[in-house]
């Protein structure tokens, strides 16, 4: 099953999105946007930029866990991963974002 985006609104009224894999696991989380259009543009940027290996910034947290950021062509971060216990798990996360990122399915959770 292909992945999808969920567009939602935080408790402070800002918009954000998550990219979920086919198993419903969150694989990428956006920043918060003051306007819905910002989140929608962020989704479009992930759809465009996620297949390109050069757009992934691999990082290691101070506690030794691994994570990554997906960046747009202008080097702005458009999404961040969860923390992973190993480099191999982080690489599997990147592979999942590459495969699911181009999805055009967007589930709007803002009306709830």
PDB file of N, CA and C in Angstrom:
ATOM      1  N   UNK A   1       0.840  -1.190   0.000  1.00  0.00           N
ATOM      2  CA  UNK A   1       0.000   0.000   0.000  1.00  0.00           C
ATOM      3  C   UNK A   1       0.882   1.248   0.000  1.00  0.00           C
ATOM      4  N   UNK A   2       0.488   2.203  -0.777  1.00  0.00           N
ATOM      5  CA  UNK A   2       1.267   3.436  -0.902  1.00  0.00           C
ATOM      6  C   UNK A   2       1.051   4.343   0.309  1.00  0.00           C
ATOM      7  N   UNK A   3       2.002   5.204   0.536  1.00  0.00           N
ATOM      8  CA  UNK A   3       1.914   6.151   1.638  1.00  0.00           C
ATOM      9  C   UNK A   3       0.998   7.317   1.314  1.00  0.00           C
ATOM     10  N   UNK A   4       0.851   8.215   2.295  1.00  0.00           N
ATOM     11  CA  UNK A   4      -0.015   9.379   2.132  1.00  0.00           C
ATOM     12  C   UNK A   4       0.423  10.485   3.090  1.00  0.00           C
ATOM     13  N   UNK A   5      -0.124  11.651   2.842  1.00  0.00           N
ATOM     14  CA  UNK A   5       0.096  12.815   3.704  1.00  0.00           C
ATOM     15  C   UNK A   5      -1.139  13.030   4.561  1.00  0.00           C
ATOM     16  N   UNK A   6      -0.911  13.507   5.763  1.00  0.00           N
ATOM     17  CA  UNK A   6      -2.005  13.969   6.605  1.00  0.00           C
ATOM     18  C   UNK A   6      -1.724  15.425   6.935  1.00  0.00           C
ATOM     19  N   UNK A   7      -2.665  16.276   6.556  1.00  0.00           N
ATOM     20  CA  UNK A   7      -2.590  17.711   6.823  1.00  0.00           C
ATOM     21  C   UNK A   7      -3.408  17.972   8.073  1.00  0.00           C
ATOM     22  N   UNK A   8      -2.802  18.619   9.064  1.00  0.00           N
ATOM     23  CA  UNK A   8      -3.489  18.795  10.342  1.00  0.00           C
ATOM     24  C   UNK A   8      -3.190  20.174  10.911  1.00  0.00           C
ATOM     25  N   UNK A   9      -3.868  20.474  12.009  1.00  0.00           N
ATOM     26  CA  UNK A   9      -3.726  21.754  12.685  1.00  0.00           C
ATOM     27  C   UNK A   9      -3.337  21.479  14.131  1.00  0.00           C
ATOM     28  N   UNK A  10      -2.335  22.185  14.620  1.00  0.00           N
ATOM     29  CA  UNK A  10      -1.878  21.990  15.993  1.00  0.00           C
ATOM     30  C   UNK A  10      -2.787  22.741  16.965  1.00  0.00           C
ATOM     31  N   UNK A  11      -2.592  22.504  18.243  1.00  0.00           N
ATOM     32  CA  UNK A  11      -3.438  23.135  19.263  1.00  0.00           C
ATOM     33  C   UNK A  11      -3.316  24.657  19.267  1.00  0.00           C
ATOM     34  N   UNK A  12      -2.196  25.172  18.762  1.00  0.00           N
ATOM     35  CA  UNK A  12      -2.026  26.630  18.705  1.00  0.00           C
ATOM     36  C   UNK A  12      -2.488  27.224  17.375  1.00  0.00           C
ATOM     37  N   UNK A  13      -3.169  26.409  16.554  1.00  0.00           N
ATOM     38  CA  UNK A  13      -3.757  26.914  15.317  1.00  0.00           C
ATOM     39  C   UNK A  13      -2.843  26.906  14.107  1.00  0.00           C
ATOM     40  N   UNK A  14      -1.640  26.370  14.246  1.00  0.00           N
ATOM     41  CA  UNK A  14      -0.730  26.312  13.104  1.00  0.00           C
ATOM     42  C   UNK A  14      -0.936  25.011  12.343  1.00  0.00           C
ATOM     43  N   UNK A  15      -0.583  25.046  11.076  1.00  0.00           N
ATOM     44  CA  UNK A  15      -0.758  23.897  10.190  1.00  0.00           C
ATOM     45  C   UNK A  15       0.551  23.123  10.075  1.00  0.00           C
ATOM     46  N   UNK A  16       0.432  21.820   9.881  1.00  0.00           N
ATOM     47  CA  UNK A  16       1.598  20.969   9.657  1.00  0.00           C
ATOM     48  C   UNK A  16       1.128  19.726   8.904  1.00  0.00           C
ATOM     49  N   UNK A  17       2.095  18.954   8.429  1.00  0.00           N
ATOM     50  CA  UNK A  17       1.755  17.693   7.784  1.00  0.00           C
ATOM     51  C   UNK A  17       2.727  16.619   8.215  1.00  0.00           C
ATOM     52  N   UNK A  18       2.265  15.394   8.095  1.00  0.00           N
ATOM     53  CA  UNK A  18       3.127  14.234   8.272  1.00  0.00           C
ATOM     54  C   UNK A  18       3.003  13.384   7.016  1.00  0.00           C
ATOM     55  N   UNK A  19       4.071  12.680   6.693  1.00  0.00           N
ATOM     56  CA  UNK A  19       4.061  11.691   5.616  1.00  0.00           C
ATOM     57  C   UNK A  19       4.043  10.333   6.296  1.00  0.00           C
ATOM     58  N   UNK A  20       3.074   9.514   5.929  1.00  0.00           N
ATOM     59  CA  UNK A  20       2.961   8.176   6.500  1.00  0.00           C
ATOM     60  C   UNK A  20       3.267   7.139   5.437  1.00  0.00           C
ATOM     61  N   UNK A  21       3.929   6.070   5.871  1.00  0.00           N
ATOM     62  CA  UNK A  21       4.192   4.931   4.989  1.00  0.00           C
ATOM     63  C   UNK A  21       2.917   4.109   4.875  1.00  0.00           C
ATOM     64  N   UNK A  22       2.929   3.142   3.992  1.00  0.00           N
ATOM     65  CA  UNK A  22       1.771   2.294   3.775  1.00  0.00           C
ATOM     66  C   UNK A  22       1.287   1.567   5.013  1.00  0.00           C
ATOM     67  N   UNK A  23       2.180   1.379   6.003  1.00  0.00           N
ATOM     68  CA  UNK A  23       1.798   0.720   7.255  1.00  0.00           C
ATOM     69  C   UNK A  23       1.297   1.712   8.301  1.00  0.00           C
ATOM     70  N   UNK A  24       1.078   2.963   7.898  1.00  0.00           N
ATOM     71  CA  UNK A  24       0.562   4.058   8.734  1.00  0.00           C
ATOM     72  C   UNK A  24       1.582   4.618   9.725  1.00  0.00           C
ATOM     73  N   UNK A  25       2.850   4.237   9.583  1.00  0.00           N
ATOM     74  CA  UNK A  25       3.896   4.785  10.446  1.00  0.00           C
ATOM     75  C   UNK A  25       4.326   6.149   9.911  1.00  0.00           C
ATOM     76  N   UNK A  26       4.465   7.137  10.809  1.00  0.00           N
ATOM     77  CA  UNK A  26       4.941   8.467  10.414  1.00  0.00           C
ATOM     78  C   UNK A  26       6.414   8.360  10.040  1.00  0.00           C
ATOM     79  N   UNK A  27       6.758   8.812   8.828  1.00  0.00           N
ATOM     80  CA  UNK A  27       8.150   8.735   8.383  1.00  0.00           C
ATOM     81  C   UNK A  27       8.780  10.112   8.157  1.00  0.00           C
ATOM     82  N   UNK A  28       7.943  11.168   8.160  1.00  0.00           N
ATOM     83  CA  UNK A  28       8.463  12.524   7.990  1.00  0.00           C
ATOM     84  C   UNK A  28       7.454  13.493   8.595  1.00  0.00           C
ATOM     85  N   UNK A  29       7.959  14.497   9.313  1.00  0.00           N
ATOM     86  CA  UNK A  29       7.106  15.505   9.941  1.00  0.00           C
ATOM     87  C   UNK A  29       7.576  16.881   9.496  1.00  0.00           C
ATOM     88  N   UNK A  30       6.630  17.737   9.172  1.00  0.00           N
ATOM     89  CA  UNK A  30       6.979  19.086   8.715  1.00  0.00           C
ATOM     90  C   UNK A  30       7.152  20.028   9.895  1.00  0.00           C
ATOM     91  N   UNK A  31       7.610  21.224   9.565  1.00  0.00           N
ATOM     92  CA  UNK A  31       7.598  22.315  10.528  1.00  0.00           C
ATOM     93  C   UNK A  31       6.153  22.804  10.656  1.00  0.00           C
ATOM     94  N   UNK A  32       5.915  23.780  11.501  1.00  0.00           N
ATOM     95  CA  UNK A  32       4.592  24.386  11.657  1.00  0.00           C
ATOM     96  C   UNK A  32       4.496  25.598  10.723  1.00  0.00           C
ATOM     97  N   UNK A  33       3.325  25.783  10.144  1.00  0.00           N
ATOM     98  CA  UNK A  33       3.080  26.903   9.233  1.00  0.00           C
ATOM     99  C   UNK A  33       1.904  27.709   9.764  1.00  0.00           C
ATOM    100  N   UNK A  34       1.980  29.038   9.655  1.00  0.00           N
ATOM    101  CA  UNK A  34       0.881  29.881  10.121  1.00  0.00           C
ATOM    102  C   UNK A  34      -0.316  29.813   9.178  1.00  0.00           C
ATOM    103  N   UNK A  35      -0.075  29.511   7.921  1.00  0.00           N
ATOM    104  CA  UNK A  35      -1.162  29.440   6.938  1.00  0.00           C
ATOM    105  C   UNK A  35      -1.242  28.046   6.331  1.00  0.00           C
ATOM    106  N   UNK A  36      -2.443  27.631   6.032  1.00  0.00           N
ATOM    107  CA  UNK A  36      -2.678  26.332   5.398  1.00  0.00           C
ATOM    108  C   UNK A  36      -1.889  26.218   4.095  1.00  0.00           C
ATOM    109  N   UNK A  37      -1.831  27.307   3.343  1.00  0.00           N
ATOM    110  CA  UNK A  37      -1.126  27.288   2.055  1.00  0.00           C
ATOM    111  C   UNK A  37       0.351  26.955   2.240  1.00  0.00           C
ATOM    112  N   UNK A  38       0.940  27.363   3.359  1.00  0.00           N
ATOM    113  CA  UNK A  38       2.337  27.030   3.629  1.00  0.00           C
ATOM    114  C   UNK A  38       2.531  25.531   3.768  1.00  0.00           C
ATOM    115  N   UNK A  39       1.620  24.878   4.496  1.00  0.00           N
ATOM    116  CA  UNK A  39       1.696  23.426   4.651  1.00  0.00           C
ATOM    117  C   UNK A  39       1.463  22.729   3.311  1.00  0.00           C
ATOM    118  N   UNK A  40       0.523  23.233   2.537  1.00  0.00           N
ATOM    119  CA  UNK A  40       0.253  22.640   1.214  1.00  0.00           C
ATOM    120  C   UNK A  40       1.467  22.784   0.302  1.00  0.00           C
ATOM    121  N   UNK A  41       2.131  23.933   0.358  1.00  0.00           N
ATOM    122  CA  UNK A  41       3.357  24.127  -0.425  1.00  0.00           C
ATOM    123  C   UNK A  41       4.462  23.198   0.067  1.00  0.00           C
ATOM    124  N   UNK A  42       4.504  22.955   1.379  1.00  0.00           N
ATOM    125  CA  UNK A  42       5.480  22.023   1.937  1.00  0.00           C
ATOM    126  C   UNK A  42       5.276  20.612   1.414  1.00  0.00           C
ATOM    127  N   UNK A  43       4.015  20.183   1.347  1.00  0.00           N
ATOM    128  CA  UNK A  43       3.710  18.865   0.785  1.00  0.00           C
ATOM    129  C   UNK A  43       4.188  18.789  -0.663  1.00  0.00           C
ATOM    130  N   UNK A  44       3.895  19.819  -1.441  1.00  0.00           N
ATOM    131  CA  UNK A  44       4.321  19.844  -2.845  1.00  0.00           C
ATOM    132  C   UNK A  44       5.843  19.773  -2.949  1.00  0.00           C
ATOM    133  N   UNK A  45       6.537  20.415  -2.015  1.00  0.00           N
ATOM    134  CA  UNK A  45       7.997  20.395  -2.025  1.00  0.00           C
ATOM    135  C   UNK A  45       8.526  18.997  -1.689  1.00  0.00           C
ATOM    136  N   UNK A  46       7.890  18.311  -0.738  1.00  0.00           N
ATOM    137  CA  UNK A  46       8.308  16.936  -0.429  1.00  0.00           C
ATOM    138  C   UNK A  46       8.052  16.040  -1.637  1.00  0.00           C
ATOM    139  N   UNK A  47       6.893  16.196  -2.264  1.00  0.00           N
ATOM    140  CA  UNK A  47       6.574  15.387  -3.445  1.00  0.00           C
ATOM    141  C   UNK A  47       7.652  15.550  -4.511  1.00  0.00           C
ATOM    142  N   UNK A  48       8.123  16.757  -4.685  1.00  0.00           N
ATOM    143  CA  UNK A  48       9.124  17.053  -5.716  1.00  0.00           C
ATOM    144  C   UNK A  48      10.535  16.628  -5.312  1.00  0.00           C
ATOM    145  N   UNK A  49      10.901  16.881  -4.058  1.00  0.00           N
ATOM    146  CA  UNK A  49      12.298  16.719  -3.633  1.00  0.00           C
ATOM    147  C   UNK A  49      12.642  15.379  -2.995  1.00  0.00           C
ATOM    148  N   UNK A  50      11.647  14.620  -2.553  1.00  0.00           N
ATOM    149  CA  UNK A  50      11.946  13.387  -1.820  1.00  0.00           C
ATOM    150  C   UNK A  50      12.665  12.305  -2.638  1.00  0.00           C
ATOM    151  N   UNK A  51      12.455  12.181  -3.944  1.00  0.00           N
ATOM    152  CA  UNK A  51      13.167  11.114  -4.660  1.00  0.00           C
ATOM    153  C   UNK A  51      14.678  11.340  -4.819  1.00  0.00           C
ATOM    154  N   UNK A  52      15.167  12.551  -4.596  1.00  0.00           N
ATOM    155  CA  UNK A  52      16.556  12.902  -4.882  1.00  0.00           C
ATOM    156  C   UNK A  52      17.461  12.697  -3.655  1.00  0.00           C
ATOM    157  N   UNK A  53      18.382  11.771  -3.757  1.00  0.00           N
ATOM    158  CA  UNK A  53      19.310  11.438  -2.678  1.00  0.00           C
ATOM    159  C   UNK A  53      20.048  12.667  -2.137  1.00  0.00           C
ATOM    160  N   UNK A  54      20.362  13.613  -3.014  1.00  0.00           N
ATOM    161  CA  UNK A  54      21.139  14.787  -2.615  1.00  0.00           C
ATOM    162  C   UNK A  54      20.395  15.679  -1.623  1.00  0.00           C
ATOM    163  N   UNK A  55      19.088  15.497  -1.481  1.00  0.00           N
ATOM    164  CA  UNK A  55      18.286  16.357  -0.611  1.00  0.00           C
ATOM    165  C   UNK A  55      18.189  15.856   0.827  1.00  0.00           C
ATOM    166  N   UNK A  56      18.896  14.776   1.149  1.00  0.00           N
ATOM    167  CA  UNK A  56      18.838  14.213   2.502  1.00  0.00           C
ATOM    168  C   UNK A  56      20.072  14.598   3.299  1.00  0.00           C
ATOM    169  N   UNK A  57      19.837  15.142   4.472  1.00  0.00           N
ATOM    170  CA  UNK A  57      20.912  15.509   5.386  1.00  0.00           C
ATOM    171  C   UNK A  57      20.860  14.519   6.554  1.00  0.00           C
ATOM    172  N   UNK A  58      21.871  13.680   6.650  1.00  0.00           N
ATOM    173  CA  UNK A  58      21.950  12.678   7.715  1.00  0.00           C
ATOM    174  C   UNK A  58      22.606  13.299   8.936  1.00  0.00           C
ATOM    175  N   UNK A  59      21.989  13.066  10.104  1.00  0.00           N
ATOM    176  CA  UNK A  59      22.465  13.700  11.327  1.00  0.00           C
ATOM    177  C   UNK A  59      22.543  12.682  12.461  1.00  0.00           C
ATOM    178  N   UNK A  60      23.343  13.018  13.457  1.00  0.00           N
ATOM    179  CA  UNK A  60      23.430  12.222  14.677  1.00  0.00           C
ATOM    180  C   UNK A  60      23.158  13.143  15.854  1.00  0.00           C
ATOM    181  N   UNK A  61      22.208  12.758  16.694  1.00  0.00           N
ATOM    182  CA  UNK A  61      21.848  13.561  17.865  1.00  0.00           C
ATOM    183  C   UNK A  61      22.915  13.422  18.944  1.00  0.00           C
ATOM    184  N   UNK A  62      22.871  14.318  19.921  1.00  0.00           N
ATOM    185  CA  UNK A  62      23.870  14.301  20.997  1.00  0.00           C
ATOM    186  C   UNK A  62      23.814  13.014  21.818  1.00  0.00           C
ATOM    187  N   UNK A  63      22.664  12.335  21.814  1.00  0.00           N
ATOM    188  CA  UNK A  63      22.560  11.075  22.565  1.00  0.00           C
ATOM    189  C   UNK A  63      22.934   9.855  21.717  1.00  0.00           C
ATOM    190  N   UNK A  64      23.426  10.100  20.493  1.00  0.00           N
ATOM    191  CA  UNK A  64      23.905   9.012  19.648  1.00  0.00           C
ATOM    192  C   UNK A  64      22.859   8.418  18.720  1.00  0.00           C
ATOM    193  N   UNK A  65      21.613   8.876  18.817  1.00  0.00           N
ATOM    194  CA  UNK A  65      20.594   8.366  17.898  1.00  0.00           C
ATOM    195  C   UNK A  65      20.731   9.069  16.544  1.00  0.00           C
ATOM    196  N   UNK A  66      20.174   8.446  15.520  1.00  0.00           N
ATOM    197  CA  UNK A  66      20.318   8.926  14.149  1.00  0.00           C
ATOM    198  C   UNK A  66      18.988   9.487  13.637  1.00  0.00           C
ATOM    199  N   UNK A  67      19.083  10.494  12.782  1.00  0.00           N
ATOM    200  CA  UNK A  67      17.894  11.066  12.158  1.00  0.00           C
ATOM    201  C   UNK A  67      18.311  11.761  10.877  1.00  0.00           C
ATOM    202  N   UNK A  68      17.319  12.275  10.145  1.00  0.00           N
ATOM    203  CA  UNK A  68      17.630  12.985   8.907  1.00  0.00           C
ATOM    204  C   UNK A  68      16.638  14.114   8.671  1.00  0.00           C
ATOM    205  N   UNK A  69      17.074  15.063   7.846  1.00  0.00           N
ATOM    206  CA  UNK A  69      16.218  16.136   7.349  1.00  0.00           C
ATOM    207  C   UNK A  69      16.129  16.000   5.843  1.00  0.00           C
ATOM    208  N   UNK A  70      14.954  16.302   5.309  1.00  0.00           N
ATOM    209  CA  UNK A  70      14.774  16.418   3.868  1.00  0.00           C
ATOM    210  C   UNK A  70      14.797  17.893   3.547  1.00  0.00           C
ATOM    211  N   UNK A  71      15.653  18.276   2.607  1.00  0.00           N
ATOM    212  CA  UNK A  71      15.797  19.681   2.250  1.00  0.00           C
ATOM    213  C   UNK A  71      15.334  19.928   0.819  1.00  0.00           C
ATOM    214  N   UNK A  72      14.851  21.133   0.595  1.00  0.00           N
ATOM    215  CA  UNK A  72      14.463  21.566  -0.750  1.00  0.00           C
ATOM    216  C   UNK A  72      15.710  22.027  -1.496  1.00  0.00           C
ATOM    217  N   UNK A  73      15.530  22.352  -2.760  1.00  0.00           N
ATOM    218  CA  UNK A  73      16.655  22.802  -3.586  1.00  0.00           C
ATOM    219  C   UNK A  73      17.326  24.050  -2.999  1.00  0.00           C
ATOM    220  N   UNK A  74      16.564  24.874  -2.258  1.00  0.00           N
ATOM    221  CA  UNK A  74      17.122  26.090  -1.652  1.00  0.00           C
ATOM    222  C   UNK A  74      17.755  25.807  -0.282  1.00  0.00           C
ATOM    223  N   UNK A  75      17.878  24.538   0.066  1.00  0.00           N
ATOM    224  CA  UNK A  75      18.509  24.062   1.302  1.00  0.00           C
ATOM    225  C   UNK A  75      17.673  24.296   2.557  1.00  0.00           C
ATOM    226  N   UNK A  76      16.402  24.697   2.390  1.00  0.00           N
ATOM    227  CA  UNK A  76      15.494  24.822   3.528  1.00  0.00           C
ATOM    228  C   UNK A  76      15.022  23.433   3.945  1.00  0.00           C
ATOM    229  N   UNK A  77      14.944  23.174   5.237  1.00  0.00           N
ATOM    230  CA  UNK A  77      14.420  21.900   5.727  1.00  0.00           C
ATOM    231  C   UNK A  77      12.909  21.885   5.502  1.00  0.00           C
ATOM    232  N   UNK A  78      12.412  20.829   4.841  1.00  0.00           N
ATOM    233  CA  UNK A  78      10.973  20.714   4.595  1.00  0.00           C
ATOM    234  C   UNK A  78      10.351  19.575   5.388  1.00  0.00           C
ATOM    235  N   UNK A  79      11.186  18.752   5.993  1.00  0.00           N
ATOM    236  CA  UNK A  79      10.668  17.679   6.831  1.00  0.00           C
ATOM    237  C   UNK A  79      11.781  17.021   7.607  1.00  0.00           C
ATOM    238  N   UNK A  80      11.424  16.483   8.774  1.00  0.00           N
ATOM    239  CA  UNK A  80      12.396  15.823   9.640  1.00  0.00           C
ATOM    240  C   UNK A  80      11.883  14.447  10.020  1.00  0.00           C
ATOM    241  N   UNK A  81      12.820  13.547  10.231  1.00  0.00           N
ATOM    242  CA  UNK A  81      12.468  12.172  10.590  1.00  0.00           C
ATOM    243  C   UNK A  81      12.336  12.030  12.095  1.00  0.00           C
ATOM    244  N   UNK A  82      11.921  10.858  12.495  1.00  0.00           N
ATOM    245  CA  UNK A  82      11.974  10.457  13.893  1.00  0.00           C
ATOM    246  C   UNK A  82      13.415  10.118  14.227  1.00  0.00           C
ATOM    247  N   UNK A  83      13.671   9.751  15.470  1.00  0.00           N
ATOM    248  CA  UNK A  83      14.993   9.293  15.879  1.00  0.00           C
ATOM    249  C   UNK A  83      15.079   7.783  15.663  1.00  0.00           C
ATOM    250  N   UNK A  84      16.239   7.344  15.195  1.00  0.00           N
ATOM    251  CA  UNK A  84      16.475   5.926  14.940  1.00  0.00           C
ATOM    252  C   UNK A  84      17.624   5.442  15.811  1.00  0.00           C
ATOM    253  N   UNK A  85      17.596   4.157  16.162  1.00  0.00           N
ATOM    254  CA  UNK A  85      18.629   3.589  17.028  1.00  0.00           C
ATOM    255  C   UNK A  85      19.879   3.182  16.253  1.00  0.00           C
ATOM    256  N   UNK A  86      19.776   3.071  14.935  1.00  0.00           N
ATOM    257  CA  UNK A  86      20.942   2.660  14.141  1.00  0.00           C
ATOM    258  C   UNK A  86      20.977   3.400  12.814  1.00  0.00           C
ATOM    259  N   UNK A  87      22.163   3.422  12.217  1.00  0.00           N
ATOM    260  CA  UNK A  87      22.301   4.032  10.896  1.00  0.00           C
ATOM    261  C   UNK A  87      21.481   3.267   9.871  1.00  0.00           C
ATOM    262  N   UNK A  88      21.431   1.948  10.006  1.00  0.00           N
ATOM    263  CA  UNK A  88      20.675   1.131   9.048  1.00  0.00           C
ATOM    264  C   UNK A  88      19.182   1.468   9.102  1.00  0.00           C
ATOM    265  N   UNK A  89      18.669   1.684  10.308  1.00  0.00           N
ATOM    266  CA  UNK A  89      17.254   2.050  10.439  1.00  0.00           C
ATOM    267  C   UNK A  89      17.000   3.418   9.820  1.00  0.00           C
ATOM    268  N   UNK A  90      17.948   4.346  10.009  1.00  0.00           N
ATOM    269  CA  UNK A  90      17.807   5.670   9.386  1.00  0.00           C
ATOM    270  C   UNK A  90      17.790   5.541   7.861  1.00  0.00           C
ATOM    271  N   UNK A  91      18.665   4.716   7.318  1.00  0.00           N
ATOM    272  CA  UNK A  91      18.698   4.522   5.866  1.00  0.00           C
ATOM    273  C   UNK A  91      17.390   3.922   5.360  1.00  0.00           C
ATOM    274  N   UNK A  92      16.811   3.006   6.136  1.00  0.00           N
ATOM    275  CA  UNK A  92      15.512   2.437   5.755  1.00  0.00           C
ATOM    276  C   UNK A  92      14.434   3.517   5.773  1.00  0.00           C
ATOM    277  N   UNK A  93      14.529   4.451   6.724  1.00  0.00           N
ATOM    278  CA  UNK A  93      13.591   5.569   6.777  1.00  0.00           C
ATOM    279  C   UNK A  93      13.710   6.461   5.545  1.00  0.00           C
ATOM    280  N   UNK A  94      14.938   6.746   5.143  1.00  0.00           N
ATOM    281  CA  UNK A  94      15.168   7.561   3.940  1.00  0.00           C
ATOM    282  C   UNK A  94      14.602   6.847   2.713  1.00  0.00           C
ATOM    283  N   UNK A  95      14.860   5.550   2.608  1.00  0.00           N
ATOM    284  CA  UNK A  95      14.324   4.774   1.478  1.00  0.00           C
ATOM    285  C   UNK A  95      12.806   4.841   1.451  1.00  0.00           C
ATOM    286  N   UNK A  96      12.189   4.783   2.625  1.00  0.00           N
ATOM    287  CA  UNK A  96      10.735   4.858   2.713  1.00  0.00           C
ATOM    288  C   UNK A  96      10.220   6.229   2.267  1.00  0.00           C
ATOM    289  N   UNK A  97      10.895   7.298   2.691  1.00  0.00           N
ATOM    290  CA  UNK A  97      10.479   8.640   2.272  1.00  0.00           C
ATOM    291  C   UNK A  97      10.648   8.808   0.762  1.00  0.00           C
ATOM    292  N   UNK A  98      11.751   8.283   0.212  1.00  0.00           N
ATOM    293  CA  UNK A  98      11.956   8.359  -1.240  1.00  0.00           C
ATOM    294  C   UNK A  98      10.811   7.675  -1.986  1.00  0.00           C
ATOM    295  N   UNK A  99      10.354   6.534  -1.471  1.00  0.00           N
ATOM    296  CA  UNK A  99       9.305   5.778  -2.140  1.00  0.00           C
ATOM    297  C   UNK A  99       7.911   6.341  -1.932  1.00  0.00           C
ATOM    298  N   UNK A 100       7.641   6.865  -0.733  1.00  0.00           N
ATOM    299  CA  UNK A 100       6.303   7.348  -0.402  1.00  0.00           C
ATOM    300  C   UNK A 100       6.111   8.844  -0.628  1.00  0.00           C
ATOM    301  N   UNK A 101       7.203   9.593  -0.676  1.00  0.00           N
ATOM    302  CA  UNK A 101       7.127  11.050  -0.817  1.00  0.00           C
ATOM    303  C   UNK A 101       6.364  11.542  -2.033  1.00  0.00           C
ATOM    304  N   UNK A 102       6.496  10.899  -3.195  1.00  0.00           N
ATOM    305  CA  UNK A 102       5.769  11.384  -4.376  1.00  0.00           C
ATOM    306  C   UNK A 102       4.254  11.168  -4.318  1.00  0.00           C
ATOM    307  N   UNK A 103       3.745  10.515  -3.284  1.00  0.00           N
ATOM    308  CA  UNK A 103       2.307  10.244  -3.176  1.00  0.00           C
ATOM    309  C   UNK A 103       1.484  11.523  -3.354  1.00  0.00           C
ATOM    310  N   UNK A 104       0.362  11.394  -4.021  1.00  0.00           N
ATOM    311  CA  UNK A 104      -0.543  12.537  -4.196  1.00  0.00           C
ATOM    312  C   UNK A 104      -1.764  12.430  -3.283  1.00  0.00           C
ATOM    313  N   UNK A 105      -1.808  11.426  -2.418  1.00  0.00           N
ATOM    314  CA  UNK A 105      -2.924  11.251  -1.498  1.00  0.00           C
ATOM    315  C   UNK A 105      -2.716  12.141  -0.276  1.00  0.00           C
ATOM    316  N   UNK A 106      -3.650  13.044  -0.040  1.00  0.00           N
ATOM    317  CA  UNK A 106      -3.588  13.954   1.106  1.00  0.00           C
ATOM    318  C   UNK A 106      -4.892  13.813   1.882  1.00  0.00           C
ATOM    319  N   UNK A 107      -4.761  13.430   3.146  1.00  0.00           N
ATOM    320  CA  UNK A 107      -5.929  13.302   4.024  1.00  0.00           C
ATOM    321  C   UNK A 107      -5.991  14.553   4.889  1.00  0.00           C
ATOM    322  N   UNK A 108      -7.067  15.304   4.743  1.00  0.00           N
ATOM    323  CA  UNK A 108      -7.230  16.570   5.456  1.00  0.00           C
ATOM    324  C   UNK A 108      -7.858  16.309   6.821  1.00  0.00           C
ATOM    325  N   UNK A 109      -7.072  16.538   7.872  1.00  0.00           N
ATOM    326  CA  UNK A 109      -7.546  16.327   9.244  1.00  0.00           C
ATOM    327  C   UNK A 109      -7.907  17.647   9.923  1.00  0.00           C
ATOM    328  N   UNK A 110      -7.867  18.753   9.187  1.00  0.00           N
ATOM    329  CA  UNK A 110      -8.062  20.070   9.809  1.00  0.00           C
ATOM    330  C   UNK A 110      -9.528  20.360  10.147  1.00  0.00           C
ATOM    331  N   UNK A 111     -10.448  19.668   9.522  1.00  0.00           N
ATOM    332  CA  UNK A 111     -11.869  19.949   9.754  1.00  0.00           C
ATOM    333  C   UNK A 111     -12.367  19.349  11.066  1.00  0.00           C
ATOM    334  N   UNK A 112     -11.636  18.335  11.593  1.00  0.00           N
ATOM    335  CA  UNK A 112     -12.068  17.638  12.784  1.00  0.00           C
ATOM    336  C   UNK A 112     -11.852  18.439  13.989  1.00  0.00           C
TER     337      UNK A 112
END
